[in-house]
Amino acid sequence: MKERLLSFVFLGILGTLAYHLLYSRLVSAPTQIYWYVPQILVPALLLLGLAWGLGFYRRAGWLEAAVTLILLAIVGLTVPASYSCGLGCF
């Protein structure tokens, strides 16, 4: 159980950073109207697929809640500052 959770954290962080690196190399338009789709929605769906592939979300429990919190943290922490501070930073 703990091994799957650690695998999800490691593979999730590695995969999200690789996605953002490839996205920044392939897409050259820095200003987009719907910036949240490639920066938030796609990584969240990819992480959700990874979690499903590792065997999470088959039944409700504390482990699924932990995976959801980790998923939200990974996605939230990997959004580039140019997008997340558009409405104001502290």
C-alpha atoms as a PDB file:
ATOM      1  CA  MET A   1       0.000   0.000   0.000  1.00  0.00           C
ATOM      2  CA  LYS A   2       2.756   2.423   0.933  1.00  0.00           C
ATOM      3  CA  GLU A   3       4.796   1.320  -2.057  1.00  0.00           C
ATOM      4  CA  ARG A   4       2.002   2.265  -4.440  1.00  0.00           C
ATOM      5  CA  LEU A   5       1.606   5.646  -2.753  1.00  0.00           C
ATOM      6  CA  LEU A   6       5.332   6.373  -2.994  1.00  0.00           C
ATOM      7  CA  SER A   7       5.326   5.197  -6.606  1.00  0.00           C
ATOM      8  CA  PHE A   8       2.452   7.572  -7.341  1.00  0.00           C
ATOM      9  CA  VAL A   9       4.272  10.514  -5.746  1.00  0.00           C
ATOM     10  CA  PHE A  10       7.532   9.830  -7.585  1.00  0.00           C
ATOM     11  CA  LEU A  11       6.007   9.033 -10.972  1.00  0.00           C
ATOM     12  CA  GLY A  12       3.490  11.849 -10.615  1.00  0.00           C
ATOM     13  CA  ILE A  13       6.097  14.519  -9.972  1.00  0.00           C
ATOM     14  CA  LEU A  14       8.395  13.166 -12.690  1.00  0.00           C
ATOM     15  CA  GLY A  15       5.586  12.849 -15.210  1.00  0.00           C
ATOM     16  CA  THR A  16       4.129  16.300 -14.517  1.00  0.00           C
ATOM     17  CA  LEU A  17       7.500  17.988 -14.823  1.00  0.00           C
ATOM     18  CA  ALA A  18       8.193  16.111 -18.057  1.00  0.00           C
ATOM     19  CA  TYR A  19       4.789  17.161 -19.415  1.00  0.00           C
ATOM     20  CA  HIS A  20       5.426  20.820 -18.581  1.00  0.00           C
ATOM     21  CA  LEU A  21       8.898  20.648 -20.131  1.00  0.00           C
ATOM     22  CA  LEU A  22       7.573  19.143 -23.362  1.00  0.00           C
ATOM     23  CA  TYR A  23       4.645  21.550 -23.440  1.00  0.00           C
ATOM     24  CA  SER A  24       6.893  24.576 -23.036  1.00  0.00           C
ATOM     25  CA  ARG A  25       9.167  23.313 -25.835  1.00  0.00           C
ATOM     26  CA  LEU A  26       6.378  22.493 -28.279  1.00  0.00           C
ATOM     27  CA  VAL A  27       3.989  25.409 -27.720  1.00  0.00           C
ATOM     28  CA  SER A  28       5.455  28.853 -28.272  1.00  0.00           C
ATOM     29  CA  ALA A  29       2.382  30.981 -27.515  1.00  0.00           C
ATOM     30  CA  PRO A  30       2.901  32.346 -23.992  1.00  0.00           C
ATOM     31  CA  THR A  31      -0.508  34.034 -23.804  1.00  0.00           C
ATOM     32  CA  GLN A  32      -3.504  31.793 -24.192  1.00  0.00           C
ATOM     33  CA  ILE A  33      -7.150  32.427 -23.507  1.00  0.00           C
ATOM     34  CA  TYR A  34      -7.748  29.026 -21.960  1.00  0.00           C
ATOM     35  CA  TRP A  35      -4.415  28.580 -20.196  1.00  0.00           C
ATOM     36  CA  TYR A  36      -5.889  26.367 -17.484  1.00  0.00           C
ATOM     37  CA  VAL A  37      -6.599  23.494 -19.885  1.00  0.00           C
ATOM     38  CA  PRO A  38      -2.954  22.568 -20.690  1.00  0.00           C
ATOM     39  CA  GLN A  39      -1.574  23.811 -17.371  1.00  0.00           C
ATOM     40  CA  ILE A  40      -4.100  22.343 -14.907  1.00  0.00           C
ATOM     41  CA  LEU A  41      -6.668  20.085 -16.548  1.00  0.00           C
ATOM     42  CA  VAL A  42      -4.385  17.883 -18.688  1.00  0.00           C
ATOM     43  CA  PRO A  43      -1.829  17.177 -15.898  1.00  0.00           C
ATOM     44  CA  ALA A  44      -4.677  16.433 -13.476  1.00  0.00           C
ATOM     45  CA  LEU A  45      -6.233  13.967 -15.909  1.00  0.00           C
ATOM     46  CA  LEU A  46      -2.859  12.334 -16.568  1.00  0.00           C
ATOM     47  CA  LEU A  47      -2.260  11.971 -12.827  1.00  0.00           C
ATOM     48  CA  LEU A  48      -5.754  10.590 -12.380  1.00  0.00           C
ATOM     49  CA  GLY A  49      -5.001   7.999 -15.066  1.00  0.00           C
ATOM     50  CA  LEU A  50      -1.712   7.133 -13.342  1.00  0.00           C
ATOM     51  CA  ALA A  51      -3.524   6.704 -10.035  1.00  0.00           C
ATOM     52  CA  TRP A  52      -6.112   4.473 -11.673  1.00  0.00           C
ATOM     53  CA  GLY A  53      -3.351   2.448 -13.312  1.00  0.00           C
ATOM     54  CA  LEU A  54      -1.614   1.950  -9.980  1.00  0.00           C
ATOM     55  CA  GLY A  55      -4.833   0.610  -8.456  1.00  0.00           C
ATOM     56  CA  PHE A  56      -6.258   3.595  -6.627  1.00  0.00           C
ATOM     57  CA  TYR A  57      -9.909   4.709  -6.740  1.00  0.00           C
ATOM     58  CA  ARG A  58     -11.206   1.165  -6.860  1.00  0.00           C
ATOM     59  CA  ARG A  59     -12.871   1.612  -3.466  1.00  0.00           C
ATOM     60  CA  ALA A  60     -13.306   4.564  -1.136  1.00  0.00           C
ATOM     61  CA  GLY A  61     -10.907   4.906   1.760  1.00  0.00           C
ATOM     62  CA  TRP A  62      -8.301   7.076   3.396  1.00  0.00           C
ATOM     63  CA  LEU A  63      -5.717   6.111   0.788  1.00  0.00           C
ATOM     64  CA  GLU A  64      -7.828   7.541  -2.030  1.00  0.00           C
ATOM     65  CA  ALA A  65      -8.245  10.786  -0.074  1.00  0.00           C
ATOM     66  CA  ALA A  66      -4.464  10.973   0.359  1.00  0.00           C
ATOM     67  CA  VAL A  67      -3.922  10.366  -3.362  1.00  0.00           C
ATOM     68  CA  THR A  68      -6.416  13.120  -4.205  1.00  0.00           C
ATOM     69  CA  LEU A  69      -4.620  15.583  -1.922  1.00  0.00           C
ATOM     70  CA  ILE A  70      -1.260  14.637  -3.431  1.00  0.00           C
ATOM     71  CA  LEU A  71      -2.713  15.028  -6.932  1.00  0.00           C
ATOM     72  CA  LEU A  72      -4.005  18.514  -6.100  1.00  0.00           C
ATOM     73  CA  ALA A  73      -0.677  19.493  -4.546  1.00  0.00           C
ATOM     74  CA  ILE A  74       1.364  18.301  -7.535  1.00  0.00           C
ATOM     75  CA  VAL A  75      -0.868  20.099 -10.024  1.00  0.00           C
ATOM     76  CA  GLY A  76      -1.031  23.256  -7.927  1.00  0.00           C
ATOM     77  CA  LEU A  77       2.703  23.450  -7.348  1.00  0.00           C
ATOM     78  CA  THR A  78       3.656  22.891 -10.979  1.00  0.00           C
ATOM     79  CA  VAL A  79       1.540  25.680 -12.479  1.00  0.00           C
ATOM     80  CA  PRO A  80       3.998  28.278 -13.784  1.00  0.00           C
ATOM     81  CA  ALA A  81       4.105  31.548 -11.845  1.00  0.00           C
ATOM     82  CA  SER A  82       3.286  33.599 -14.929  1.00  0.00           C
ATOM     83  CA  TYR A  83      -0.176  32.005 -14.943  1.00  0.00           C
ATOM     84  CA  SER A  84      -0.860  31.600 -11.242  1.00  0.00           C
ATOM     85  CA  CYS A  85       0.142  35.183 -10.405  1.00  0.00           C
ATOM     86  CA  GLY A  86      -1.931  36.759 -13.150  1.00  0.00           C
ATOM     87  CA  LEU A  87      -4.634  37.651 -10.650  1.00  0.00           C
ATOM     88  CA  GLY A  88      -2.179  38.820  -8.000  1.00  0.00           C
ATOM     89  CA  CYS A  89       0.393  37.233  -5.738  1.00  0.00           C
ATOM     90  CA  PHE A  90       1.202  37.815  -2.124  1.00  0.00           C
END
